[in-house]
C-alpha atoms as a PDB file:
ATOM      1  CA  MET A   1     118.109 125.564  54.692  1.00  0.00           C
ATOM      2  CA  SER A   2     119.270 125.814  51.040  1.00  0.00           C
ATOM      3  CA  SER A   3     121.949 128.149  49.848  1.00  0.00           C
ATOM      4  CA  ALA A   4     122.791 129.044  46.077  1.00  0.00           C
ATOM      5  CA  LYS A   5     125.821 131.297  44.744  1.00  0.00           C
ATOM      6  CA  GLY A   6     125.263 131.970  41.057  1.00  0.00           C
ATOM      7  CA  GLU A   7     127.573 133.154  38.610  1.00  0.00           C
ATOM      8  CA  THR A   8     127.774 136.538  39.980  1.00  0.00           C
ATOM      9  CA  GLY A   9     129.555 136.315  43.222  1.00  0.00           C
ATOM     10  CA  MET A  10     126.246 136.849  45.382  1.00  0.00           C
ATOM     11  CA  ARG A  11     125.321 134.086  47.540  1.00  0.00           C
ATOM     12  CA  ILE A  12     121.777 133.623  48.737  1.00  0.00           C
ATOM     13  CA  THR A  13     120.882 131.307  51.514  1.00  0.00           C
ATOM     14  CA  SER A  14     116.970 130.455  52.125  1.00  0.00           C
ATOM     15  CA  GLU A  15     115.614 129.386  55.242  1.00  0.00           C
ATOM     16  CA  ARG A  16     112.256 128.996  56.509  1.00  0.00           C
ATOM     17  CA  ARG A  17     111.073 129.619  60.197  1.00  0.00           C
ATOM     18  CA  ASN A  18     107.578 128.799  60.467  1.00  0.00           C
ATOM     19  CA  ALA A  19     105.682 131.554  58.354  1.00  0.00           C
ATOM     20  CA  ARG A  20     108.813 133.563  57.749  1.00  0.00           C
ATOM     21  CA  ALA A  21     111.302 133.123  55.135  1.00  0.00           C
ATOM     22  CA  VAL A  22     114.358 134.510  55.334  1.00  0.00           C
ATOM     23  CA  LEU A  23     116.808 134.926  52.412  1.00  0.00           C
ATOM     24  CA  ALA A  24     120.035 136.125  53.800  1.00  0.00           C
ATOM     25  CA  LEU A  25     122.435 137.516  50.691  1.00  0.00           C
ATOM     26  CA  SER A  26     126.180 138.266  50.754  1.00  0.00           C
ATOM     27  CA  GLY A  27     128.199 139.628  48.551  1.00  0.00           C
ATOM     28  CA  THR A  28     127.381 142.126  45.754  1.00  0.00           C
ATOM     29  CA  PHE A  29     123.782 142.709  44.973  1.00  0.00           C
ATOM     30  CA  GLY A  30     123.019 143.697  41.333  1.00  0.00           C
ATOM     31  CA  PHE A  31     121.667 143.264  38.057  1.00  0.00           C
ATOM     32  CA  SER A  32     123.641 140.162  37.265  1.00  0.00           C
ATOM     33  CA  SER A  33     121.885 138.753  39.951  1.00  0.00           C
ATOM     34  CA  ARG A  34     118.433 139.240  39.452  1.00  0.00           C
ATOM     35  CA  VAL A  35     117.660 135.885  37.989  1.00  0.00           C
ATOM     36  CA  GLU A  36     118.587 134.205  41.220  1.00  0.00           C
ATOM     37  CA  PHE A  37     117.118 136.318  43.495  1.00  0.00           C
ATOM     38  CA  LYS A  38     113.859 135.955  41.787  1.00  0.00           C
ATOM     39  CA  ALA A  39     114.254 132.353  42.045  1.00  0.00           C
ATOM     40  CA  ALA A  40     115.013 132.428  45.782  1.00  0.00           C
ATOM     41  CA  TYR A  41     111.644 134.522  46.543  1.00  0.00           C
ATOM     42  CA  ASP A  42     109.317 133.596  43.989  1.00  0.00           C
ATOM     43  CA  ARG A  43     109.170 129.936  45.807  1.00  0.00           C
ATOM     44  CA  HIS A  44     107.865 131.627  49.265  1.00  0.00           C
ATOM     45  CA  LEU A  45     105.645 134.202  47.287  1.00  0.00           C
ATOM     46  CA  ALA A  46     104.078 130.904  46.049  1.00  0.00           C
ATOM     47  CA  ALA A  47     103.954 129.069  48.962  1.00  0.00           C
ATOM     48  CA  PRO A  48     100.340 129.320  50.919  1.00  0.00           C
ATOM     49  CA  ASP A  49     101.926 128.748  54.518  1.00  0.00           C
ATOM     50  CA  VAL A  50     104.396 131.736  54.311  1.00  0.00           C
ATOM     51  CA  LYS A  51     103.494 135.233  55.582  1.00  0.00           C
ATOM     52  CA  GLU A  52     106.462 137.166  55.923  1.00  0.00           C
ATOM     53  CA  ILE A  53     109.485 137.247  53.526  1.00  0.00           C
ATOM     54  CA  HIS A  54     112.711 138.901  55.167  1.00  0.00           C
ATOM     55  CA  ILE A  55     115.714 139.851  53.621  1.00  0.00           C
ATOM     56  CA  ASP A  56     118.679 139.956  55.569  1.00  0.00           C
ATOM     57  CA  LEU A  57     121.368 142.487  53.913  1.00  0.00           C
ATOM     58  CA  HIS A  58     124.252 141.683  56.424  1.00  0.00           C
ATOM     59  CA  GLY A  59     126.572 140.121  54.325  1.00  0.00           C
ATOM     60  CA  VAL A  60     125.931 142.628  50.965  1.00  0.00           C
ATOM     61  CA  GLN A  61     129.061 144.639  50.815  1.00  0.00           C
ATOM     62  CA  ALA A  62     127.684 146.691  47.727  1.00  0.00           C
ATOM     63  CA  MET A  63     124.697 146.936  44.899  1.00  0.00           C
ATOM     64  CA  ASP A  64     124.075 148.522  42.331  1.00  0.00           C
ATOM     65  CA  ALA A  65     121.316 150.953  40.771  1.00  0.00           C
ATOM     66  CA  SER A  66     119.154 147.990  40.111  1.00  0.00           C
ATOM     67  CA  ALA A  67     119.422 146.279  43.597  1.00  0.00           C
ATOM     68  CA  PRO A  68     117.226 148.590  44.801  1.00  0.00           C
ATOM     69  CA  GLY A  69     114.416 148.280  42.378  1.00  0.00           C
ATOM     70  CA  MET A  70     114.251 144.537  42.724  1.00  0.00           C
ATOM     71  CA  LEU A  71     113.780 145.475  46.368  1.00  0.00           C
ATOM     72  CA  LEU A  72     111.002 147.361  45.000  1.00  0.00           C
ATOM     73  CA  VAL A  73     109.414 144.945  43.018  1.00  0.00           C
ATOM     74  CA  LEU A  74     109.916 142.141  45.779  1.00  0.00           C
ATOM     75  CA  ARG A  75     107.758 144.514  47.819  1.00  0.00           C
ATOM     76  CA  GLU A  76     105.157 144.971  45.322  1.00  0.00           C
ATOM     77  CA  ARG A  77     104.617 141.327  44.392  1.00  0.00           C
ATOM     78  CA  GLY A  78     104.469 140.538  48.217  1.00  0.00           C
ATOM     79  CA  ARG A  79     101.793 143.070  48.635  1.00  0.00           C
ATOM     80  CA  ALA A  80      99.644 141.394  45.809  1.00  0.00           C
ATOM     81  CA  ALA A  81     100.217 138.046  47.401  1.00  0.00           C
ATOM     82  CA  GLY A  82      99.506 139.268  50.745  1.00  0.00           C
ATOM     83  CA  LYS A  83     102.822 138.856  52.187  1.00  0.00           C
ATOM     84  CA  ARG A  84     104.883 141.078  54.258  1.00  0.00           C
ATOM     85  CA  ILE A  85     108.258 141.988  53.131  1.00  0.00           C
ATOM     86  CA  THR A  86     111.132 143.244  55.496  1.00  0.00           C
ATOM     87  CA  ILE A  87     114.320 143.937  55.325  1.00  0.00           C
ATOM     88  CA  GLY A  88     117.247 144.219  57.973  1.00  0.00           C
ATOM     89  CA  ASN A  89     120.657 144.123  59.078  1.00  0.00           C
ATOM     90  CA  GLU A  90     122.031 146.554  56.181  1.00  0.00           C
ATOM     91  CA  GLN A  91     125.281 147.996  56.105  1.00  0.00           C
ATOM     92  CA  PRO A  92     124.658 151.909  56.507  1.00  0.00           C
ATOM     93  CA  LEU A  93     125.162 153.122  53.069  1.00  0.00           C
ATOM     94  CA  ILE A  94     123.223 150.618  51.854  1.00  0.00           C
ATOM     95  CA  LYS A  95     120.377 151.249  54.300  1.00  0.00           C
ATOM     96  CA  GLU A  96     120.963 155.329  53.155  1.00  0.00           C
ATOM     97  CA  ALA A  97     120.316 154.210  49.584  1.00  0.00           C
ATOM     98  CA  LEU A  98     116.925 152.075  50.567  1.00  0.00           C
ATOM     99  CA  ALA A  99     115.918 155.186  52.817  1.00  0.00           C
ATOM    100  CA  LEU A 100     116.616 157.763  49.183  1.00  0.00           C
ATOM    101  CA  ILE A 101     114.064 155.775  47.326  1.00  0.00           C
ATOM    102  CA  ALA A 102     111.615 155.761  50.282  1.00  0.00           C
ATOM    103  CA  PHE A 103     111.875 151.771  50.852  1.00  0.00           C
ATOM    104  CA  TYR A 104     110.976 151.940  54.624  1.00  0.00           C
ATOM    105  CA  ASP A 105     107.673 153.101  54.339  1.00  0.00           C
END
């Protein structure tokens, strides 16, 4: 398990469970955390033994307008790499925002 907290105030904890990688986010998810977020998921996209990347949003208290876009980019990159991308444990307002952009299709 690895953990990183960037200058953005968002913490990302990464854990592998067999073929599933879990990225647990906490704090504010937004544009200022894009570099840390991309670095966290890129290594799992490149790992041939990872079949699913799960984003755990339980600890995210707020997100700016760029966060849903970052999740959509991850979903598209995951599909291109043959990985399943899932999201869970969202706070109700964050779940609503993601539903508005049709993330749960």
